[in-house]
Amino acid sequence: MSSLELMKRLREDIESAVKDGRSAVSKYYPLKPKQFLHDYPPLSSADELGRINQLFQELYQVPEFNSHRPVIGGFISRIKRRVFNFLWTGLLGDYLKVERNFNEQLVRYLNLSSQTIDFKFASLFSELIRKIDIDMQGANERTDRLLSSLDSTVRTIENQISQRSGALLTDIGAVKASVSVVASELKTVDNVARGLERTLALLSKSTPDIFDNSAKQTKSEPLDIDYLLLENRFRGSEEEIAVSVNEYIPILRSANGPVLDIGCGRGELLEALRLEAIPAKGIDLDKAMFLRCQEKGLDVELKDLFEFLAESQAETFGAIVATQVVEHLTQSQLDKLLTMAMRALKQDGMLILETINPQSVTALARNFFRDPTHTFPVHPDTLKFAMEMKGFVTDPIMFRSPYPADAILSKVDYSPELPARWLALLDQLNDNFSRLNQLLFGYQDFAVIGRKQK
């Protein structure tokens, strides 16, 4: 076989070994490719390098020559040893010495190379890790700066939104307050306008005709319309009062006789009783009120309540109602009213007295002191006690006419996710608001119902 053919065969063996995953040097030790970097062990601790070092140590050890023959075995061993020494040191000594030096240098070089490669690899890997750490730290710092900038921007936007929302809420609150004031004023104007229309109608009926000769002969009595105008402006329209007095209708259905409405005013309760087919009669001392009730076709008399009760027979009425009356009376007049009402009521008859609630500061300041004809406010417990002292069996006090929700102090809305100290503070603040609402904006009116027992 020529040298060219030999080299060609070697190339084919190497190419075949590489394709098959075997070592390019040996056909019997195939290479096992690794999948990950950490699967490759350091070269200095590789099994192949350890095997090379072991073989190098075993290569130049002097073999032992033994013989199994018992008699001439020693002689044969000595002969073998002499022949080995002659061949090893004499004939091949120089060649083997050069080969040993070469192999020794090659093994030393392989060991040094593996250590150098391992050191370089470890250094490069360490440098790579350090570079990755530096890059990651820089990326984290840039990310932190970006997040900080974004957080600052978001906080700035939130503050701006909060400020603008606060200003907007303030403006909305001012607009609501203005709308509420305007609505209240419009309501007052509407009440006054309706009252003026009815007052003008009454005046036209009560004023004598200048062309009527008989009217000239008669001296007409002037009509006092001041209190009617006061009622229209401040107490509310007839429609509003009609809705309010309807709460008494279920109670008065059980009356065992006609109902007497003392201070019937414009006749709102009498109209409601008429719709229920409950017999009722009203009295009022104000002529304008009396004429308004007559205009509605109601059964009313223009008479003082004490005079009317004194003339009434005992046990005549199944119920006596006086809404917004007792605040016009003195203490002695109230005592007299209770005595006379007890006499005029039938057995099991009821007395209903409604007045302004002085426990509500706003109701006392606005509703009581606004009417110059009011005498003194009556406390709910005082009125209940006075009725019981006259022999009435009273029901629990009925509180009426609550203030609208938008007219009282509003509680603070808050998130339950706030810190505990803020939650406690806001709860205390809302509790104080509730107490203030009860004191300032309690029920505007109350009624005490007393029953005459056998």
Protein backbone atom coordinates (compact mmCIF):
# COMPACT_ATOMS: atom_id res chain seq x y z
CA MET A 1 0.00 0.00 0.00
CA SER A 2 1.45 3.30 -1.04
CA SER A 3 1.67 6.35 1.25
CA LEU A 4 -1.03 8.16 -0.72
CA GLU A 5 -3.43 5.29 -0.29
CA LEU A 6 -2.57 5.15 3.43
CA MET A 7 -3.26 8.88 3.95
CA LYS A 8 -6.48 8.60 1.99
CA ARG A 9 -7.64 5.73 4.21
CA LEU A 10 -6.74 7.69 7.35
CA ARG A 11 -8.77 10.68 6.13
CA GLU A 12 -11.74 8.43 5.43
CA ASP A 13 -11.49 6.87 8.90
CA ILE A 14 -11.29 10.32 10.55
CA GLU A 15 -14.27 11.68 8.58
CA SER A 16 -16.28 8.56 9.35
CA ALA A 17 -15.37 8.80 13.04
CA VAL A 18 -16.43 12.46 13.22
CA LYS A 19 -19.76 11.69 11.55
CA ASP A 20 -20.35 8.76 13.90
CA GLY A 21 -19.45 10.78 16.99
CA ARG A 22 -16.28 8.75 17.66
CA SER A 23 -12.80 9.95 18.38
CA ALA A 24 -10.82 10.92 15.33
CA VAL A 25 -7.86 9.00 16.77
CA SER A 26 -9.52 5.75 17.75
CA LYS A 27 -12.34 3.80 16.29
CA TYR A 28 -13.06 2.21 19.65
CA TYR A 29 -13.59 5.26 21.90
CA PRO A 30 -16.57 7.17 20.47
CA LEU A 31 -17.07 10.82 21.46
CA LYS A 32 -20.27 11.65 23.38
CA PRO A 33 -21.36 15.20 22.48
CA LYS A 34 -22.65 17.26 25.41
CA GLN A 35 -25.83 19.30 25.41
CA PHE A 36 -24.84 21.99 27.91
CA LEU A 37 -21.65 23.79 28.83
CA HIS A 38 -21.73 22.61 32.43
CA ASP A 39 -21.81 18.99 31.18
CA TYR A 40 -18.11 19.33 30.16
CA PRO A 41 -15.79 18.65 33.15
CA PRO A 42 -12.49 20.56 33.56
CA LEU A 43 -9.74 19.21 31.31
CA SER A 44 -7.34 18.75 34.21
CA SER A 45 -9.75 16.33 35.86
CA ALA A 46 -10.89 14.55 32.69
CA ASP A 47 -10.80 10.76 32.73
CA GLU A 48 -8.81 10.65 29.50
CA LEU A 49 -5.99 12.78 30.95
CA GLY A 50 -5.89 10.63 34.07
CA ARG A 51 -5.65 7.53 31.92
CA ILE A 52 -2.73 9.06 29.94
CA ASN A 53 -0.84 9.80 33.16
CA GLN A 54 -1.48 6.29 34.44
CA LEU A 55 -0.34 4.68 31.21
CA PHE A 56 2.77 6.85 31.20
CA GLN A 57 3.70 5.57 34.68
CA GLU A 58 3.06 1.97 33.69
CA LEU A 59 4.90 2.25 30.36
CA TYR A 60 8.44 2.47 31.82
CA GLN A 61 8.13 0.12 34.75
CA VAL A 62 10.47 -2.90 34.55
CA PRO A 63 8.37 -6.03 34.19
CA GLU A 64 8.74 -8.95 36.57
CA PHE A 65 9.95 -12.24 35.04
CA ASN A 66 8.63 -15.35 36.75
CA SER A 67 8.40 -19.02 35.73
CA HIS A 68 6.00 -21.73 36.78
CA ARG A 69 8.61 -24.45 36.48
CA PRO A 70 9.68 -25.50 39.96
CA VAL A 71 13.26 -26.61 39.22
CA ILE A 72 14.56 -24.49 36.37
CA GLY A 73 12.06 -21.62 36.86
CA GLY A 74 14.62 -19.39 38.58
CA PHE A 75 17.17 -19.99 35.87
CA ILE A 76 14.67 -19.21 33.13
CA SER A 77 13.63 -15.99 34.92
CA ARG A 78 17.23 -14.82 35.15
CA ILE A 79 17.75 -15.58 31.45
CA LYS A 80 14.64 -13.53 30.56
CA ARG A 81 15.81 -10.68 32.73
CA ARG A 82 19.26 -10.64 31.13
CA VAL A 83 17.74 -10.74 27.62
CA PHE A 84 15.35 -7.90 28.57
CA ASN A 85 18.16 -5.80 29.97
CA PHE A 86 20.27 -6.40 26.89
CA LEU A 87 17.43 -5.39 24.55
CA TRP A 88 16.05 -2.56 26.71
CA THR A 89 19.25 -0.91 27.75
CA GLY A 90 21.80 -2.14 25.28
CA LEU A 91 20.27 -2.48 21.89
CA LEU A 92 17.24 -0.14 22.21
CA GLY A 93 18.43 1.98 25.12
CA ASP A 94 19.15 5.16 23.19
CA TYR A 95 15.96 5.00 21.19
CA LEU A 96 13.82 4.26 24.23
CA LYS A 97 15.47 7.04 26.15
CA VAL A 98 14.58 9.58 23.46
CA GLU A 99 11.06 8.17 23.23
CA ARG A 100 10.67 8.35 27.02
CA ASN A 101 11.81 11.96 27.06
CA PHE A 102 9.40 12.78 24.28
CA ASN A 103 6.47 11.03 25.99
CA GLU A 104 7.35 12.67 29.31
CA GLN A 105 7.37 16.12 27.73
CA LEU A 106 4.15 15.37 25.88
CA VAL A 107 2.34 14.21 29.06
CA ARG A 108 3.71 17.23 30.96
CA TYR A 109 2.52 19.50 28.17
CA LEU A 110 -0.91 17.90 28.16
CA ASN A 111 -1.21 18.40 31.94
CA LEU A 112 -0.02 22.00 31.72
CA SER A 113 -2.28 22.71 28.75
CA SER A 114 -5.32 21.29 30.53
CA GLN A 115 -4.57 23.38 33.61
CA THR A 116 -3.99 26.49 31.50
CA ILE A 117 -7.20 25.91 29.52
CA ASP A 118 -9.14 25.33 32.74
CA PHE A 119 -7.68 28.50 34.27
CA LYS A 120 -8.38 30.54 31.15
CA PHE A 121 -11.87 29.14 30.90
CA ALA A 122 -12.55 29.85 34.57
CA SER A 123 -11.14 33.38 34.17
CA LEU A 124 -13.18 34.00 31.05
CA PHE A 125 -16.29 32.55 32.71
CA SER A 126 -15.70 34.67 35.81
CA GLU A 127 -15.16 37.74 33.67
CA LEU A 128 -18.28 36.91 31.73
CA ILE A 129 -20.29 36.53 34.96
CA ARG A 130 -18.84 39.80 36.26
CA LYS A 131 -19.68 41.52 32.99
CA ILE A 132 -23.22 40.11 33.12
CA ASP A 133 -23.53 41.26 36.75
CA ILE A 134 -22.33 44.75 35.83
CA ASP A 135 -24.69 44.88 32.86
CA MET A 136 -27.58 43.58 34.98
CA GLN A 137 -26.80 46.09 37.71
CA GLY A 138 -26.70 48.87 35.16
CA ALA A 139 -29.96 47.65 33.64
CA ASN A 140 -31.53 47.49 37.11
CA GLU A 141 -30.33 51.00 37.89
CA ARG A 142 -31.72 52.29 34.60
CA THR A 143 -34.98 50.43 35.27
CA ASP A 144 -35.14 51.90 38.80
CA ARG A 145 -34.53 55.38 37.45
CA LEU A 146 -37.20 54.85 34.81
CA LEU A 147 -39.67 53.48 37.37
CA SER A 148 -38.86 56.35 39.74
CA SER A 149 -39.43 58.81 36.93
CA LEU A 150 -42.69 57.11 35.99
CA ASP A 151 -43.78 57.03 39.65
CA SER A 152 -42.98 60.71 40.01
CA THR A 153 -44.93 61.46 36.85
CA VAL A 154 -47.89 59.39 38.03
CA ARG A 155 -47.85 61.11 41.44
CA THR A 156 -47.71 64.49 39.77
CA ILE A 157 -50.66 63.55 37.56
CA GLU A 158 -52.54 62.18 40.57
CA ASN A 159 -51.91 65.40 42.50
CA GLN A 160 -53.08 67.47 39.57
CA ILE A 161 -56.18 65.28 39.18
CA SER A 162 -56.81 65.46 42.92
CA GLN A 163 -56.46 69.25 42.94
CA ARG A 164 -58.66 69.67 39.90
CA SER A 165 -61.16 67.14 41.27
CA GLY A 166 -61.22 69.01 44.57
CA ALA A 167 -61.77 72.28 42.78
CA LEU A 168 -64.42 70.66 40.60
CA LEU A 169 -66.17 69.16 43.63
CA THR A 170 -66.06 72.56 45.32
CA ASP A 171 -67.58 74.15 42.23
CA ILE A 172 -70.21 71.41 42.04
CA GLY A 173 -71.00 71.93 45.73
CA ALA A 174 -71.34 75.66 45.17
CA VAL A 175 -73.58 75.05 42.16
CA LYS A 176 -75.71 72.61 44.16
CA ALA A 177 -75.97 75.10 46.99
CA SER A 178 -76.95 77.82 44.53
CA VAL A 179 -79.48 75.54 42.86
CA SER A 180 -80.87 74.59 46.27
CA VAL A 181 -81.19 78.25 47.24
CA VAL A 182 -82.79 79.11 43.90
CA ALA A 183 -85.17 76.14 44.21
CA SER A 184 -86.11 77.23 47.72
CA GLU A 185 -86.68 80.77 46.55
CA LEU A 186 -88.74 79.56 43.58
CA LYS A 187 -90.77 77.40 45.93
CA THR A 188 -91.35 80.39 48.19
CA VAL A 189 -92.32 82.54 45.21
CA ASP A 190 -94.71 79.82 44.03
CA ASN A 191 -96.29 79.56 47.49
CA VAL A 192 -96.62 83.34 47.70
CA ALA A 193 -98.08 83.55 44.20
CA ARG A 194 -100.64 80.86 44.92
CA GLY A 195 -101.47 82.52 48.23
CA LEU A 196 -101.85 85.90 46.57
CA GLU A 197 -104.23 84.46 43.99
CA ARG A 198 -106.41 82.97 46.70
CA THR A 199 -106.12 86.11 48.85
CA LEU A 200 -107.20 88.31 45.95
CA ALA A 201 -110.13 85.98 45.37
CA LEU A 202 -111.13 86.35 49.02
CA LEU A 203 -110.72 90.12 48.88
CA SER A 204 -112.91 90.34 45.80
CA LYS A 205 -115.64 88.44 47.59
CA SER A 206 -115.38 90.35 50.87
CA THR A 207 -115.03 93.93 49.45
CA PRO A 208 -118.36 95.71 48.77
CA ASP A 209 -119.09 96.89 45.24
CA ILE A 210 -118.82 100.67 44.93
CA PHE A 211 -121.75 100.64 42.54
CA ASP A 212 -123.93 98.68 44.93
CA ASN A 213 -126.11 101.16 46.85
CA SER A 214 -126.86 98.62 49.52
CA ALA A 215 -123.15 98.11 50.05
CA LYS A 216 -122.69 101.82 50.67
CA GLN A 217 -125.18 101.62 53.48
CA THR A 218 -123.17 98.83 55.17
CA LYS A 219 -119.99 99.41 57.12
CA SER A 220 -117.69 96.55 55.99
CA GLU A 221 -115.32 94.86 58.44
CA PRO A 222 -111.68 94.91 57.26
CA LEU A 223 -110.23 91.50 56.33
CA ASP A 224 -106.94 90.57 58.06
CA ILE A 225 -104.95 88.59 55.51
CA ASP A 226 -101.49 88.90 57.12
CA TYR A 227 -101.48 85.47 58.72
CA LEU A 228 -102.74 83.81 55.55
CA LEU A 229 -99.83 85.36 53.66
CA LEU A 230 -97.45 84.21 56.41
CA GLU A 231 -98.74 80.64 56.12
CA ASN A 232 -98.34 80.69 52.34
CA ARG A 233 -94.77 81.93 52.52
CA PHE A 234 -93.25 79.96 55.37
CA ARG A 235 -95.32 76.97 56.43
CA GLY A 236 -95.69 75.63 52.89
CA SER A 237 -98.23 75.40 50.13
CA GLU A 238 -101.64 73.76 50.67
CA GLU A 239 -100.49 70.83 48.54
CA GLU A 240 -97.44 70.23 50.75
CA ILE A 241 -99.42 70.43 53.98
CA ALA A 242 -102.04 68.09 52.51
CA VAL A 243 -99.32 65.46 51.99
CA SER A 244 -98.09 65.99 55.55
CA VAL A 245 -101.49 65.65 57.29
CA ASN A 246 -102.25 62.45 55.36
CA GLU A 247 -100.12 60.64 57.95
CA TYR A 248 -102.94 61.15 60.46
CA ILE A 249 -105.65 59.60 58.27
CA PRO A 250 -104.90 55.93 59.20
CA ILE A 251 -105.09 56.92 62.89
CA LEU A 252 -108.32 58.90 62.53
CA ARG A 253 -110.10 56.08 60.68
CA SER A 254 -110.57 54.40 64.06
CA ALA A 255 -112.27 57.45 65.61
CA ASN A 256 -115.64 56.53 67.14
CA GLY A 257 -117.22 59.88 66.28
CA PRO A 258 -116.76 63.08 64.31
CA VAL A 259 -113.34 64.75 64.18
CA LEU A 260 -112.79 68.31 65.40
CA ASP A 261 -109.89 70.17 63.72
CA ILE A 262 -108.86 73.06 65.99
CA GLY A 263 -107.02 75.81 64.08
CA CYS A 264 -107.95 74.19 60.80
CA GLY A 265 -106.13 76.92 58.80
CA ARG A 266 -106.63 76.45 55.10
CA GLY A 267 -108.49 73.16 55.62
CA GLU A 268 -105.93 70.63 54.40
CA LEU A 269 -106.81 68.02 57.06
CA LEU A 270 -110.55 68.59 56.61
CA GLU A 271 -110.19 67.95 52.87
CA ALA A 272 -108.31 64.71 53.48
CA LEU A 273 -110.99 63.55 55.96
CA ARG A 274 -113.72 64.40 53.46
CA LEU A 275 -112.02 62.19 50.86
CA GLU A 276 -112.13 59.34 53.40
CA ALA A 277 -115.80 60.02 54.22
CA ILE A 278 -114.88 60.71 57.85
CA PRO A 279 -117.22 63.32 59.40
CA ALA A 280 -115.23 66.35 60.52
CA LYS A 281 -115.66 69.97 61.59
CA GLY A 282 -113.09 72.77 61.76
CA ILE A 283 -112.75 76.00 63.73
CA ASP A 284 -110.34 78.89 63.26
CA LEU A 285 -110.07 82.38 64.67
CA ASP A 286 -108.57 83.88 61.50
CA LYS A 287 -111.21 85.21 59.12
CA ALA A 288 -109.05 84.80 55.99
CA MET A 289 -108.49 81.14 56.86
CA PHE A 290 -112.21 80.73 57.57
CA LEU A 291 -113.13 82.17 54.17
CA ARG A 292 -110.61 79.94 52.42
CA CYS A 293 -112.20 76.86 54.02
CA GLN A 294 -115.67 78.08 53.09
CA GLU A 295 -114.47 78.51 49.53
CA LYS A 296 -113.63 74.77 49.55
CA GLY A 297 -117.09 73.91 50.90
CA LEU A 298 -115.81 72.64 54.25
CA ASP A 299 -117.75 72.61 57.55
CA VAL A 300 -115.98 75.35 59.53
CA GLU A 301 -116.82 78.01 62.11
CA LEU A 302 -115.08 81.31 62.79
CA LYS A 303 -114.77 80.97 66.54
CA ASP A 304 -112.29 80.88 69.42
CA LEU A 305 -111.42 77.32 70.45
CA PHE A 306 -112.24 77.85 74.15
CA GLU A 307 -115.55 79.44 73.28
CA PHE A 308 -116.39 76.58 70.90
CA LEU A 309 -115.42 73.84 73.37
CA ALA A 310 -117.37 75.53 76.16
CA GLU A 311 -120.49 75.52 73.98
CA SER A 312 -120.01 71.93 72.82
CA GLN A 313 -121.78 69.12 74.63
CA ALA A 314 -119.76 66.60 76.61
CA GLU A 315 -118.54 63.47 74.82
CA THR A 316 -119.33 64.83 71.36
CA PHE A 317 -116.20 64.07 69.31
CA GLY A 318 -114.39 60.85 68.52
CA ALA A 319 -111.13 62.76 67.95
CA ILE A 320 -109.78 66.28 68.42
CA VAL A 321 -106.80 67.40 66.34
CA ALA A 322 -104.77 70.57 66.87
CA THR A 323 -101.79 70.88 64.51
CA GLN A 324 -99.42 73.79 65.09
CA VAL A 325 -101.69 75.30 67.75
CA VAL A 326 -100.23 74.72 71.23
CA GLU A 327 -97.20 76.93 70.51
CA HIS A 328 -99.66 79.85 70.26
CA LEU A 329 -100.99 79.22 73.79
CA THR A 330 -99.75 80.15 77.24
CA GLN A 331 -99.20 77.52 79.90
CA SER A 332 -102.58 78.20 81.51
CA GLN A 333 -104.32 78.13 78.13
CA LEU A 334 -102.72 74.76 77.32
CA ASP A 335 -103.92 73.39 80.66
CA LYS A 336 -107.41 74.71 79.92
CA LEU A 337 -107.38 73.16 76.42
CA LEU A 338 -106.52 69.72 77.83
CA THR A 339 -109.29 69.93 80.41
CA MET A 340 -111.93 71.00 77.90
CA ALA A 341 -110.78 68.44 75.31
CA MET A 342 -111.12 65.63 77.88
CA ARG A 343 -114.71 66.74 78.49
CA ALA A 344 -115.61 67.03 74.76
CA LEU A 345 -114.20 63.62 73.77
CA LYS A 346 -116.19 60.40 73.79
CA GLN A 347 -114.95 57.38 75.68
CA ASP A 348 -111.97 55.92 73.81
CA GLY A 349 -111.69 59.22 71.93
CA MET A 350 -108.27 60.60 71.03
CA LEU A 351 -106.53 63.95 71.25
CA ILE A 352 -103.74 64.67 68.75
CA LEU A 353 -101.50 67.67 69.44
CA GLU A 354 -98.79 68.55 66.95
CA THR A 355 -96.23 71.32 67.40
CA ILE A 356 -92.69 72.39 66.52
CA ASN A 357 -89.89 70.20 67.91
CA PRO A 358 -87.69 72.45 70.10
CA GLN A 359 -85.03 69.69 70.31
CA SER A 360 -84.07 70.57 66.73
CA VAL A 361 -82.10 73.81 66.90
CA THR A 362 -82.76 74.67 63.26
CA ALA A 363 -86.50 73.99 63.54
CA LEU A 364 -86.67 76.11 66.69
CA ALA A 365 -84.72 78.99 65.14
CA ARG A 366 -86.46 78.95 61.76
CA ASN A 367 -89.98 77.69 62.34
CA PHE A 368 -90.81 78.83 65.87
CA PHE A 369 -89.27 82.30 66.06
CA ARG A 370 -90.27 83.19 62.50
CA ASP A 371 -93.97 83.39 63.49
CA PRO A 372 -94.65 86.44 65.72
CA THR A 373 -97.86 84.87 67.04
CA HIS A 374 -96.01 81.99 68.73
CA THR A 375 -95.92 82.18 72.55
CA PHE A 376 -93.51 79.53 73.82
CA PRO A 377 -92.14 76.20 72.56
CA VAL A 378 -93.26 72.98 74.23
CA HIS A 379 -90.84 70.10 74.81
CA PRO A 380 -92.12 66.64 73.72
CA ASP A 381 -91.71 65.19 77.21
CA THR A 382 -93.44 68.21 78.77
CA LEU A 383 -96.48 67.94 76.49
CA LYS A 384 -96.72 64.19 77.03
CA PHE A 385 -96.49 64.68 80.81
CA ALA A 386 -99.15 67.42 80.77
CA MET A 387 -101.59 65.20 78.84
CA GLU A 388 -101.00 62.27 81.20
CA MET A 389 -101.63 64.52 84.21
CA LYS A 390 -105.06 65.29 82.73
CA GLY A 391 -105.88 61.57 82.49
CA PHE A 392 -104.91 60.79 78.91
CA VAL A 393 -103.17 57.53 78.12
CA THR A 394 -100.47 58.55 75.63
CA ASP A 395 -98.85 56.69 72.77
CA PRO A 396 -95.12 56.94 72.07
CA ILE A 397 -94.16 60.37 70.77
CA MET A 398 -94.48 60.63 66.97
CA PHE A 399 -91.66 62.63 65.39
CA ARG A 400 -92.47 64.09 61.98
CA SER A 401 -91.11 66.17 59.09
CA PRO A 402 -87.45 65.09 58.80
CA TYR A 403 -85.04 67.42 57.06
CA PRO A 404 -84.07 66.43 53.49
CA ALA A 405 -80.85 64.44 53.25
CA ASP A 406 -79.18 67.14 51.16
CA ALA A 407 -79.91 69.77 53.85
CA ILE A 408 -77.95 68.07 56.66
CA LEU A 409 -74.27 67.38 57.30
CA SER A 410 -73.01 64.60 55.05
CA LYS A 411 -70.81 61.81 56.34
CA VAL A 412 -67.33 61.40 54.90
CA ASP A 413 -67.01 58.54 52.42
CA TYR A 414 -63.72 56.68 52.71
CA SER A 415 -62.02 53.48 51.63
CA PRO A 416 -61.73 50.66 54.22
CA GLU A 417 -58.14 50.13 52.97
CA LEU A 418 -56.90 53.29 54.72
CA PRO A 419 -54.53 52.99 57.72
CA ALA A 420 -56.21 52.05 61.01
CA ARG A 421 -55.57 55.44 62.63
CA TRP A 422 -57.26 57.22 59.71
CA LEU A 423 -60.22 54.83 59.87
CA ALA A 424 -60.66 55.51 63.60
CA LEU A 425 -60.43 59.27 63.02
CA LEU A 426 -62.96 59.23 60.16
CA ASP A 427 -65.36 57.02 62.18
CA GLN A 428 -65.16 59.49 65.05
CA LEU A 429 -65.73 62.40 62.65
CA ASN A 430 -68.82 60.72 61.13
CA ASP A 431 -70.13 59.94 64.62
CA ASN A 432 -69.79 63.63 65.51
CA PHE A 433 -71.63 64.53 62.29
CA SER A 434 -74.49 62.21 63.34
CA ARG A 435 -74.66 63.87 66.76
CA LEU A 436 -74.65 67.34 65.20
CA ASN A 437 -77.35 66.33 62.70
CA GLN A 438 -79.53 65.09 65.55
CA LEU A 439 -79.03 68.34 67.45
CA LEU A 440 -79.19 70.81 64.57
CA PHE A 441 -81.38 69.03 62.04
CA GLY A 442 -83.63 66.77 64.10
CA TYR A 443 -87.28 66.19 63.20
CA GLN A 444 -89.00 69.54 62.70
CA ASP A 445 -92.31 68.55 64.33
CA PHE A 446 -93.67 66.05 66.82
CA ALA A 447 -97.13 64.88 67.84
CA VAL A 448 -98.47 63.37 71.06
CA ILE A 449 -101.58 61.18 70.86
CA GLY A 450 -103.61 60.82 74.05
CA ARG A 451 -106.60 58.53 74.50
CA LYS A 452 -109.51 58.99 76.88
CA GLN A 453 -110.01 55.77 78.79
CA LYS A 454 -113.14 54.70 80.64
